Amino acid sequence: RVFFVRTFVLDDLLKKVRLLIMEHDKDPNNIPKVRTLLNTASRDIILLQEILSYLFESLQSMEVPERPEDEAGGTLYKVLNMANMKRDVLIRVEDLTKLVHGAQHELQNLSAMTDVI
């Protein structure tokens, strides 16, 4: 959940940078702010990508154990629902990867826009 929040904070930062770039003619002092914010966003994207790669590697190496024979273990196995949990987390990692990839493309676009001004 915190990772999702962090991606939305990053998205908000990129929207703020886009607004500052669009209004650069009103305040020329925005250009150093834009560069600082782009550096911050770039650093955040790199960290988010590293976290996702560690999470994905961990999920790939994780094996779902067999259902235990005893009744208590079987009940716990059923309640934890490990196979579905792993699948759901893999889907979320894929979604987060797409969000971070989109943010990276937006960062590249904003950097190109900054080069023009």
C-alpha atoms as a PDB file:
ATOM      1  CA  ARG A   1       0.000   0.000   0.000  1.00  0.00           C
ATOM      2  CA  VAL A   2       2.830   2.411   0.842  1.00  0.00           C
ATOM      3  CA  PHE A   3       4.415   1.703  -2.537  1.00  0.00           C
ATOM      4  CA  PHE A   4       1.180   2.691  -4.307  1.00  0.00           C
ATOM      5  CA  VAL A   5       1.064   5.902  -2.269  1.00  0.00           C
ATOM      6  CA  ARG A   6       4.669   6.636  -3.212  1.00  0.00           C
ATOM      7  CA  THR A   7       3.893   6.207  -6.920  1.00  0.00           C
ATOM      8  CA  PHE A   8       0.991   8.645  -6.623  1.00  0.00           C
ATOM      9  CA  VAL A   9       3.234  11.158  -4.832  1.00  0.00           C
ATOM     10  CA  LEU A  10       5.723  10.750  -7.677  1.00  0.00           C
ATOM     11  CA  ASP A  11       2.960  11.291 -10.232  1.00  0.00           C
ATOM     12  CA  ASP A  12       1.912  14.463  -8.428  1.00  0.00           C
ATOM     13  CA  LEU A  13       5.528  15.678  -8.466  1.00  0.00           C
ATOM     14  CA  LEU A  14       5.743  15.088 -12.215  1.00  0.00           C
ATOM     15  CA  LYS A  15       2.482  17.013 -12.760  1.00  0.00           C
ATOM     16  CA  LYS A  16       3.912  19.896 -10.748  1.00  0.00           C
ATOM     17  CA  VAL A  17       7.065  19.864 -12.888  1.00  0.00           C
ATOM     18  CA  ARG A  18       4.974  19.905 -16.073  1.00  0.00           C
ATOM     19  CA  LEU A  19       3.039  22.920 -14.762  1.00  0.00           C
ATOM     20  CA  LEU A  20       6.267  24.756 -13.905  1.00  0.00           C
ATOM     21  CA  ILE A  21       7.652  24.042 -17.376  1.00  0.00           C
ATOM     22  CA  MET A  22       4.490  25.320 -19.039  1.00  0.00           C
ATOM     23  CA  GLU A  23       4.673  28.527 -16.997  1.00  0.00           C
ATOM     24  CA  HIS A  24       8.430  29.083 -17.334  1.00  0.00           C
ATOM     25  CA  ASP A  25       7.931  32.337 -19.205  1.00  0.00           C
ATOM     26  CA  LYS A  26       6.002  33.849 -16.274  1.00  0.00           C
ATOM     27  CA  ASP A  27       8.793  33.142 -13.788  1.00  0.00           C
ATOM     28  CA  PRO A  28      12.283  32.344 -15.132  1.00  0.00           C
ATOM     29  CA  ASN A  29      13.318  31.271 -11.630  1.00  0.00           C
ATOM     30  CA  ASN A  30      11.232  28.122 -12.118  1.00  0.00           C
ATOM     31  CA  ILE A  31      13.929  26.528 -14.288  1.00  0.00           C
ATOM     32  CA  PRO A  32      16.292  25.698 -11.381  1.00  0.00           C
ATOM     33  CA  LYS A  33      13.280  24.404  -9.413  1.00  0.00           C
ATOM     34  CA  VAL A  34      12.309  22.210 -12.358  1.00  0.00           C
ATOM     35  CA  ARG A  35      15.809  20.732 -12.586  1.00  0.00           C
ATOM     36  CA  THR A  36      15.861  20.025  -8.845  1.00  0.00           C
ATOM     37  CA  LEU A  37      12.440  18.375  -8.975  1.00  0.00           C
ATOM     38  CA  LEU A  38      13.457  16.294 -12.010  1.00  0.00           C
ATOM     39  CA  ASN A  39      16.519  15.061 -10.107  1.00  0.00           C
ATOM     40  CA  THR A  40      14.326  14.139  -7.146  1.00  0.00           C
ATOM     41  CA  ALA A  41      11.876  12.304  -9.385  1.00  0.00           C
ATOM     42  CA  SER A  42      14.690  10.457 -11.124  1.00  0.00           C
ATOM     43  CA  ARG A  43      16.113   9.309  -7.796  1.00  0.00           C
ATOM     44  CA  ASP A  44      12.677   8.170  -6.638  1.00  0.00           C
ATOM     45  CA  ILE A  45      12.075   6.203  -9.834  1.00  0.00           C
ATOM     46  CA  ILE A  46      15.406   4.422  -9.490  1.00  0.00           C
ATOM     47  CA  LEU A  47      14.606   3.430  -5.905  1.00  0.00           C
ATOM     48  CA  LEU A  48      11.116   2.241  -6.827  1.00  0.00           C
ATOM     49  CA  GLN A  49      12.526   0.135  -9.669  1.00  0.00           C
ATOM     50  CA  GLU A  50      15.046  -1.462  -7.307  1.00  0.00           C
ATOM     51  CA  ILE A  51      12.343  -2.301  -4.791  1.00  0.00           C
ATOM     52  CA  LEU A  52      10.204  -3.851  -7.512  1.00  0.00           C
ATOM     53  CA  SER A  53      13.071  -5.953  -8.821  1.00  0.00           C
ATOM     54  CA  TYR A  54      13.835  -7.268  -5.306  1.00  0.00           C
ATOM     55  CA  LEU A  55      10.168  -8.034  -4.729  1.00  0.00           C
ATOM     56  CA  PHE A  56       9.832  -9.801  -8.075  1.00  0.00           C
ATOM     57  CA  GLU A  57      12.970 -11.887  -7.471  1.00  0.00           C
ATOM     58  CA  SER A  58      11.697 -12.871  -4.036  1.00  0.00           C
ATOM     59  CA  LEU A  59       8.346 -13.929  -5.437  1.00  0.00           C
ATOM     60  CA  GLN A  60       9.963 -15.960  -8.209  1.00  0.00           C
ATOM     61  CA  SER A  61      12.057 -17.919  -5.734  1.00  0.00           C
ATOM     62  CA  MET A  62       9.149 -18.427  -3.314  1.00  0.00           C
ATOM     63  CA  GLU A  63       7.631 -21.891  -3.391  1.00  0.00           C
ATOM     64  CA  VAL A  64       4.158 -22.606  -2.121  1.00  0.00           C
ATOM     65  CA  PRO A  65       4.356 -25.506   0.338  1.00  0.00           C
ATOM     66  CA  GLU A  66       2.251 -28.636   0.021  1.00  0.00           C
ATOM     67  CA  ARG A  67      -0.931 -28.912   2.057  1.00  0.00           C
ATOM     68  CA  PRO A  68      -0.155 -30.497   5.446  1.00  0.00           C
ATOM     69  CA  GLU A  69      -1.784 -33.815   6.343  1.00  0.00           C
ATOM     70  CA  ASP A  70      -2.967 -32.902   9.858  1.00  0.00           C
ATOM     71  CA  GLU A  71      -6.261 -31.101  10.385  1.00  0.00           C
ATOM     72  CA  ALA A  72      -4.865 -27.943  12.017  1.00  0.00           C
ATOM     73  CA  GLY A  73      -2.226 -27.538   9.301  1.00  0.00           C
ATOM     74  CA  GLY A  74      -4.819 -28.098   6.594  1.00  0.00           C
ATOM     75  CA  THR A  75      -7.100 -25.489   8.087  1.00  0.00           C
ATOM     76  CA  LEU A  76      -4.249 -22.997   8.337  1.00  0.00           C
ATOM     77  CA  TYR A  77      -3.230 -23.782   4.754  1.00  0.00           C
ATOM     78  CA  LYS A  78      -6.784 -23.149   3.597  1.00  0.00           C
ATOM     79  CA  VAL A  79      -7.069 -19.878   5.539  1.00  0.00           C
ATOM     80  CA  LEU A  80      -3.714 -18.511   4.335  1.00  0.00           C
ATOM     81  CA  ASN A  81      -4.450 -19.460   0.726  1.00  0.00           C
ATOM     82  CA  MET A  82      -0.782 -19.171  -0.228  1.00  0.00           C
ATOM     83  CA  ALA A  83      -1.089 -19.981  -3.943  1.00  0.00           C
ATOM     84  CA  ASN A  84      -3.694 -17.285  -4.572  1.00  0.00           C
ATOM     85  CA  MET A  85      -1.817 -14.826  -2.374  1.00  0.00           C
ATOM     86  CA  LYS A  86       1.360 -15.316  -4.404  1.00  0.00           C
ATOM     87  CA  ARG A  87      -0.563 -14.891  -7.658  1.00  0.00           C
ATOM     88  CA  ASP A  88      -2.239 -11.703  -6.395  1.00  0.00           C
ATOM     89  CA  VAL A  89       1.065 -10.213  -5.272  1.00  0.00           C
ATOM     90  CA  LEU A  90       2.643 -11.031  -8.655  1.00  0.00           C
ATOM     91  CA  ILE A  91      -0.220  -9.227 -10.390  1.00  0.00           C
ATOM     92  CA  ARG A  92       0.276  -6.206  -8.143  1.00  0.00           C
ATOM     93  CA  VAL A  93       4.016  -6.197  -8.862  1.00  0.00           C
ATOM     94  CA  GLU A  94       3.237  -6.183 -12.594  1.00  0.00           C
ATOM     95  CA  ASP A  95       0.814  -3.283 -12.106  1.00  0.00           C
ATOM     96  CA  LEU A  96       3.361  -1.340 -10.095  1.00  0.00           C
ATOM     97  CA  THR A  97       6.013  -2.011 -12.719  1.00  0.00           C
ATOM     98  CA  LYS A  98       3.729  -0.478 -15.339  1.00  0.00           C
ATOM     99  CA  LEU A  99       3.097   2.575 -13.137  1.00  0.00           C
ATOM    100  CA  VAL A 100       6.813   3.127 -12.553  1.00  0.00           C
ATOM    101  CA  HIS A 101       7.548   2.578 -16.248  1.00  0.00           C
ATOM    102  CA  GLY A 102       4.949   5.227 -17.128  1.00  0.00           C
ATOM    103  CA  ALA A 103       6.491   7.633 -14.635  1.00  0.00           C
ATOM    104  CA  GLN A 104       9.902   7.033 -16.187  1.00  0.00           C
ATOM    105  CA  HIS A 105       8.549   7.906 -19.640  1.00  0.00           C
ATOM    106  CA  GLU A 106       6.932  11.040 -18.245  1.00  0.00           C
ATOM    107  CA  LEU A 107      10.256  11.992 -16.659  1.00  0.00           C
ATOM    108  CA  GLN A 108      12.000  11.563 -20.021  1.00  0.00           C
ATOM    109  CA  ASN A 109       9.387  13.746 -21.712  1.00  0.00           C
ATOM    110  CA  LEU A 110       9.738  16.448 -19.080  1.00  0.00           C
ATOM    111  CA  SER A 111      13.508  16.343 -19.359  1.00  0.00           C
ATOM    112  CA  ALA A 112      13.237  16.823 -23.114  1.00  0.00           C
ATOM    113  CA  MET A 113      10.861  19.738 -22.555  1.00  0.00           C
ATOM    114  CA  THR A 114      13.344  21.268 -20.111  1.00  0.00           C
ATOM    115  CA  ASP A 115      16.111  21.046 -22.689  1.00  0.00           C
ATOM    116  CA  VAL A 116      14.027  23.139 -25.080  1.00  0.00           C
ATOM    117  CA  ILE A 117      13.378  26.023 -22.677  1.00  0.00           C
END
